[in-house]
Amino acid sequence: MNANNTSDREIIAERVFDAHRELVWKVWTDPNHIAHWWGPNGFTNTIQNMDVKQGGIWKFVMHGPDGVDYNNEIQYLEVIPPEKLVYKHGSGGDDHPGFHVTVLFQEDGKKTKLSMQLLFRTAEEKNEIVERSGAVDGLSQTLEKLRGYLANL
């Protein structure tokens, strides 16, 4: 990930999935797949557009179990199929400065090791997101939903 000490500004998650890397990449980058598993438990998604290429934009609405809609916008900064995604994730508004995400897809035999880093500008921004939206639990739930989705393909 990043050689500098960013531990106070980052959230890290790693999982090993019982699926080939190309399949994990596909369900992460295809709107017909990602709409079914993205987000914490209880959330559903409406994908408005998803252009997975450097400079491309992914706009989607996460519909929360509380009935609130959350607009999201991702700008892809680096796309290396099927190995690496780097993107800026924001809400598309000024109230949420966003954060950078690096996702690595590593082959491990017939399995895939996925490493994910969410990097915030400051420790305060990270802590606010963690406290306000439960980002650590939400990320864990999202990756477990991905595991379940892959198991049913």
C-alpha atoms as a PDB file:
ATOM      1  CA  MET A   1       0.000   0.000   0.000  1.00  0.00           C
ATOM      2  CA  ASN A   2       1.779   3.201   1.140  1.00  0.00           C
ATOM      3  CA  ALA A   3       5.263   3.112   2.657  1.00  0.00           C
ATOM      4  CA  ASN A   4       4.650   6.280   4.717  1.00  0.00           C
ATOM      5  CA  ASN A   5       3.111   5.891   8.165  1.00  0.00           C
ATOM      6  CA  THR A   6      -0.546   6.585   7.519  1.00  0.00           C
ATOM      7  CA  SER A   7      -1.996   4.274  10.161  1.00  0.00           C
ATOM      8  CA  ASP A   8      -3.844   7.078  11.963  1.00  0.00           C
ATOM      9  CA  ARG A   9      -5.589   8.059   8.697  1.00  0.00           C
ATOM     10  CA  GLU A  10      -6.449   4.666   7.268  1.00  0.00           C
ATOM     11  CA  ILE A  11      -8.794   1.740   7.517  1.00  0.00           C
ATOM     12  CA  ILE A  12      -7.390  -1.579   6.310  1.00  0.00           C
ATOM     13  CA  ALA A  13      -9.284  -4.746   5.442  1.00  0.00           C
ATOM     14  CA  GLU A  14      -8.071  -8.056   4.040  1.00  0.00           C
ATOM     15  CA  ARG A  15     -10.005 -11.132   3.027  1.00  0.00           C
ATOM     16  CA  VAL A  16      -9.316 -14.341   1.142  1.00  0.00           C
ATOM     17  CA  PHE A  17     -12.122 -15.399  -1.186  1.00  0.00           C
ATOM     18  CA  ASP A  18     -12.653 -18.893  -2.530  1.00  0.00           C
ATOM     19  CA  ALA A  19     -12.823 -17.647  -6.131  1.00  0.00           C
ATOM     20  CA  HIS A  20     -10.419 -16.927  -8.966  1.00  0.00           C
ATOM     21  CA  ARG A  21      -9.062 -13.395  -9.153  1.00  0.00           C
ATOM     22  CA  GLU A  22     -10.737 -12.711 -12.509  1.00  0.00           C
ATOM     23  CA  LEU A  23     -14.152 -13.509 -11.016  1.00  0.00           C
ATOM     24  CA  VAL A  24     -13.581 -11.334  -7.941  1.00  0.00           C
ATOM     25  CA  TRP A  25     -12.459  -8.511 -10.249  1.00  0.00           C
ATOM     26  CA  LYS A  26     -15.538  -8.963 -12.444  1.00  0.00           C
ATOM     27  CA  VAL A  27     -18.062  -8.829  -9.599  1.00  0.00           C
ATOM     28  CA  TRP A  28     -16.269  -5.719  -8.262  1.00  0.00           C
ATOM     29  CA  THR A  29     -16.239  -3.859 -11.595  1.00  0.00           C
ATOM     30  CA  ASP A  30     -19.465  -4.959 -13.338  1.00  0.00           C
ATOM     31  CA  PRO A  31     -22.572  -2.939 -12.386  1.00  0.00           C
ATOM     32  CA  ASN A  32     -24.758  -6.009 -12.946  1.00  0.00           C
ATOM     33  CA  HIS A  33     -22.888  -7.769 -10.136  1.00  0.00           C
ATOM     34  CA  ILE A  34     -21.839  -5.042  -7.701  1.00  0.00           C
ATOM     35  CA  ALA A  35     -25.399  -3.783  -7.271  1.00  0.00           C
ATOM     36  CA  HIS A  36     -26.231  -7.094  -5.557  1.00  0.00           C
ATOM     37  CA  TRP A  37     -23.597  -7.058  -2.813  1.00  0.00           C
ATOM     38  CA  TRP A  38     -22.137  -3.559  -2.336  1.00  0.00           C
ATOM     39  CA  GLY A  39     -22.676  -1.867   1.008  1.00  0.00           C
ATOM     40  CA  PRO A  40     -23.383  -2.855   4.600  1.00  0.00           C
ATOM     41  CA  ASN A  41     -26.194  -5.177   5.649  1.00  0.00           C
ATOM     42  CA  GLY A  42     -29.644  -3.839   4.837  1.00  0.00           C
ATOM     43  CA  PHE A  43     -28.479  -1.523   2.048  1.00  0.00           C
ATOM     44  CA  THR A  44     -29.489  -1.789  -1.602  1.00  0.00           C
ATOM     45  CA  ASN A  45     -28.053   0.070  -4.581  1.00  0.00           C
ATOM     46  CA  THR A  46     -29.112   1.859  -7.703  1.00  0.00           C
ATOM     47  CA  ILE A  47     -26.213   2.129 -10.116  1.00  0.00           C
ATOM     48  CA  GLN A  48     -26.540   5.277 -12.212  1.00  0.00           C
ATOM     49  CA  ASN A  49     -23.368   4.776 -14.238  1.00  0.00           C
ATOM     50  CA  MET A  50     -20.127   2.844 -13.806  1.00  0.00           C
ATOM     51  CA  ASP A  51     -17.188   3.527 -16.128  1.00  0.00           C
ATOM     52  CA  VAL A  52     -14.265   1.507 -14.748  1.00  0.00           C
ATOM     53  CA  LYS A  53     -11.260   3.145 -16.411  1.00  0.00           C
ATOM     54  CA  GLN A  54      -8.703   5.742 -15.380  1.00  0.00           C
ATOM     55  CA  GLY A  55     -10.648   8.997 -15.032  1.00  0.00           C
ATOM     56  CA  GLY A  56     -13.971   7.134 -15.217  1.00  0.00           C
ATOM     57  CA  ILE A  57     -16.834   7.829 -12.836  1.00  0.00           C
ATOM     58  CA  TRP A  58     -19.114   5.501 -10.895  1.00  0.00           C
ATOM     59  CA  LYS A  59     -22.271   7.158  -9.548  1.00  0.00           C
ATOM     60  CA  PHE A  60     -24.683   5.220  -7.402  1.00  0.00           C
ATOM     61  CA  VAL A  61     -27.273   5.640  -4.693  1.00  0.00           C
ATOM     62  CA  MET A  62     -27.160   3.468  -1.594  1.00  0.00           C
ATOM     63  CA  HIS A  63     -30.626   3.024  -0.129  1.00  0.00           C
ATOM     64  CA  GLY A  64     -30.332   2.618   3.621  1.00  0.00           C
ATOM     65  CA  PRO A  65     -32.521   0.391   5.760  1.00  0.00           C
ATOM     66  CA  ASP A  66     -33.672   3.629   7.448  1.00  0.00           C
ATOM     67  CA  GLY A  67     -35.195   4.826   4.156  1.00  0.00           C
ATOM     68  CA  VAL A  68     -32.454   7.418   3.549  1.00  0.00           C
ATOM     69  CA  ASP A  69     -30.766   7.580   0.148  1.00  0.00           C
ATOM     70  CA  TYR A  70     -27.009   8.191   0.102  1.00  0.00           C
ATOM     71  CA  ASN A  71     -25.532   9.587  -3.114  1.00  0.00           C
ATOM     72  CA  ASN A  72     -22.032   8.319  -3.875  1.00  0.00           C
ATOM     73  CA  GLU A  73     -19.500   9.201  -6.517  1.00  0.00           C
ATOM     74  CA  ILE A  74     -16.271   7.391  -7.244  1.00  0.00           C
ATOM     75  CA  GLN A  75     -13.586   8.618  -9.617  1.00  0.00           C
ATOM     76  CA  TYR A  76     -11.163   5.947 -10.783  1.00  0.00           C
ATOM     77  CA  LEU A  77      -7.557   7.115 -10.554  1.00  0.00           C
ATOM     78  CA  GLU A  78      -5.826   3.852 -11.507  1.00  0.00           C
ATOM     79  CA  VAL A  79      -7.286   0.697 -13.059  1.00  0.00           C
ATOM     80  CA  ILE A  80      -5.053  -2.324 -13.695  1.00  0.00           C
ATOM     81  CA  PRO A  81      -7.250  -5.365 -14.471  1.00  0.00           C
ATOM     82  CA  PRO A  82      -7.454  -7.742 -12.650  1.00  0.00           C
ATOM     83  CA  GLU A  83      -4.884  -6.533 -10.095  1.00  0.00           C
ATOM     84  CA  LYS A  84      -5.535  -3.060  -8.756  1.00  0.00           C
ATOM     85  CA  LEU A  85      -8.120  -0.306  -8.370  1.00  0.00           C
ATOM     86  CA  VAL A  86      -7.373   3.120  -6.932  1.00  0.00           C
ATOM     87  CA  TYR A  87     -10.202   5.594  -6.603  1.00  0.00           C
ATOM     88  CA  LYS A  88     -11.467   8.650  -4.785  1.00  0.00           C
ATOM     89  CA  HIS A  89     -14.771   7.983  -3.022  1.00  0.00           C
ATOM     90  CA  GLY A  90     -16.986  10.912  -2.133  1.00  0.00           C
ATOM     91  CA  SER A  91     -20.615  11.854  -1.917  1.00  0.00           C
ATOM     92  CA  GLY A  92     -20.350  14.307  -4.780  1.00  0.00           C
ATOM     93  CA  GLY A  93     -20.991  17.159  -2.330  1.00  0.00           C
ATOM     94  CA  ASP A  94     -18.866  19.638  -0.416  1.00  0.00           C
ATOM     95  CA  ASP A  95     -19.981  18.252   2.963  1.00  0.00           C
ATOM     96  CA  HIS A  96     -17.925  15.092   2.450  1.00  0.00           C
ATOM     97  CA  PRO A  97     -14.341  15.606   1.255  1.00  0.00           C
ATOM     98  CA  GLY A  98     -13.982  11.956   0.364  1.00  0.00           C
ATOM     99  CA  PHE A  99     -11.126   9.528   0.753  1.00  0.00           C
ATOM    100  CA  HIS A 100      -8.837   7.446  -1.427  1.00  0.00           C
ATOM    101  CA  VAL A 101      -9.257   3.702  -1.749  1.00  0.00           C
ATOM    102  CA  THR A 102      -6.718   1.168  -2.986  1.00  0.00           C
ATOM    103  CA  VAL A 103      -7.938  -2.360  -3.683  1.00  0.00           C
ATOM    104  CA  LEU A 104      -5.436  -5.104  -4.530  1.00  0.00           C
ATOM    105  CA  PHE A 105      -6.568  -8.436  -5.994  1.00  0.00           C
ATOM    106  CA  GLN A 106      -3.818 -11.043  -5.503  1.00  0.00           C
ATOM    107  CA  GLU A 107      -3.884 -14.580  -6.863  1.00  0.00           C
ATOM    108  CA  ASP A 108      -3.528 -17.259  -4.219  1.00  0.00           C
ATOM    109  CA  GLY A 109      -3.879 -20.500  -6.157  1.00  0.00           C
ATOM    110  CA  LYS A 110      -7.584 -20.841  -6.924  1.00  0.00           C
ATOM    111  CA  LYS A 111      -8.355 -18.206  -4.290  1.00  0.00           C
ATOM    112  CA  THR A 112      -8.020 -14.432  -4.223  1.00  0.00           C
ATOM    113  CA  LYS A 113      -6.496 -12.340  -1.460  1.00  0.00           C
ATOM    114  CA  LEU A 114      -8.131  -8.941  -1.434  1.00  0.00           C
ATOM    115  CA  SER A 115      -6.443  -6.059   0.390  1.00  0.00           C
ATOM    116  CA  MET A 116      -8.235  -2.768   0.794  1.00  0.00           C
ATOM    117  CA  GLN A 117      -6.983   0.533   2.178  1.00  0.00           C
ATOM    118  CA  LEU A 118      -9.214   3.549   2.793  1.00  0.00           C
ATOM    119  CA  LEU A 119      -6.965   6.587   3.234  1.00  0.00           C
ATOM    120  CA  PHE A 120      -8.348   9.836   4.627  1.00  0.00           C
ATOM    121  CA  ARG A 121      -6.742  13.290   4.473  1.00  0.00           C
ATOM    122  CA  THR A 122      -6.575  13.551   8.267  1.00  0.00           C
ATOM    123  CA  ALA A 123      -7.026  11.330  11.300  1.00  0.00           C
ATOM    124  CA  GLU A 124      -9.930  13.569  12.318  1.00  0.00           C
ATOM    125  CA  GLU A 125     -11.774  12.927   9.044  1.00  0.00           C
ATOM    126  CA  LYS A 126     -11.233   9.188   9.434  1.00  0.00           C
ATOM    127  CA  ASN A 127     -12.439   9.204  13.025  1.00  0.00           C
ATOM    128  CA  GLU A 128     -15.528  11.227  12.113  1.00  0.00           C
ATOM    129  CA  ILE A 129     -16.504   8.746   9.362  1.00  0.00           C
ATOM    130  CA  VAL A 130     -15.868   5.791  11.669  1.00  0.00           C
ATOM    131  CA  GLU A 131     -17.981   7.284  14.456  1.00  0.00           C
ATOM    132  CA  ARG A 132     -20.754   8.772  12.292  1.00  0.00           C
ATOM    133  CA  SER A 133     -21.283   5.962   9.819  1.00  0.00           C
ATOM    134  CA  GLY A 134     -19.693   2.902  11.411  1.00  0.00           C
ATOM    135  CA  ALA A 135     -17.256   2.604   8.506  1.00  0.00           C
ATOM    136  CA  VAL A 136     -15.210  -0.270   9.960  1.00  0.00           C
ATOM    137  CA  ASP A 137     -18.248  -2.476  10.606  1.00  0.00           C
ATOM    138  CA  GLY A 138     -19.794  -1.400   7.311  1.00  0.00           C
ATOM    139  CA  LEU A 139     -16.664  -2.364   5.388  1.00  0.00           C
ATOM    140  CA  SER A 140     -16.550  -5.733   7.114  1.00  0.00           C
ATOM    141  CA  GLN A 141     -20.226  -6.364   6.323  1.00  0.00           C
ATOM    142  CA  THR A 142     -19.685  -5.342   2.691  1.00  0.00           C
ATOM    143  CA  LEU A 143     -16.813  -7.794   2.251  1.00  0.00           C
ATOM    144  CA  GLU A 144     -18.827 -10.581   3.870  1.00  0.00           C
ATOM    145  CA  LYS A 145     -21.691  -9.821   1.465  1.00  0.00           C
ATOM    146  CA  LEU A 146     -19.157 -10.146  -1.359  1.00  0.00           C
ATOM    147  CA  ARG A 147     -18.102 -13.532   0.060  1.00  0.00           C
ATOM    148  CA  GLY A 148     -21.714 -14.719   0.079  1.00  0.00           C
ATOM    149  CA  TYR A 149     -22.360 -13.406  -3.418  1.00  0.00           C
ATOM    150  CA  LEU A 150     -19.281 -15.190  -4.787  1.00  0.00           C
ATOM    151  CA  ALA A 151     -20.313 -18.435  -3.075  1.00  0.00           C
ATOM    152  CA  ASN A 152     -23.658 -18.365  -4.905  1.00  0.00           C
ATOM    153  CA  LEU A 153     -22.234 -17.828  -8.420  1.00  0.00           C
END
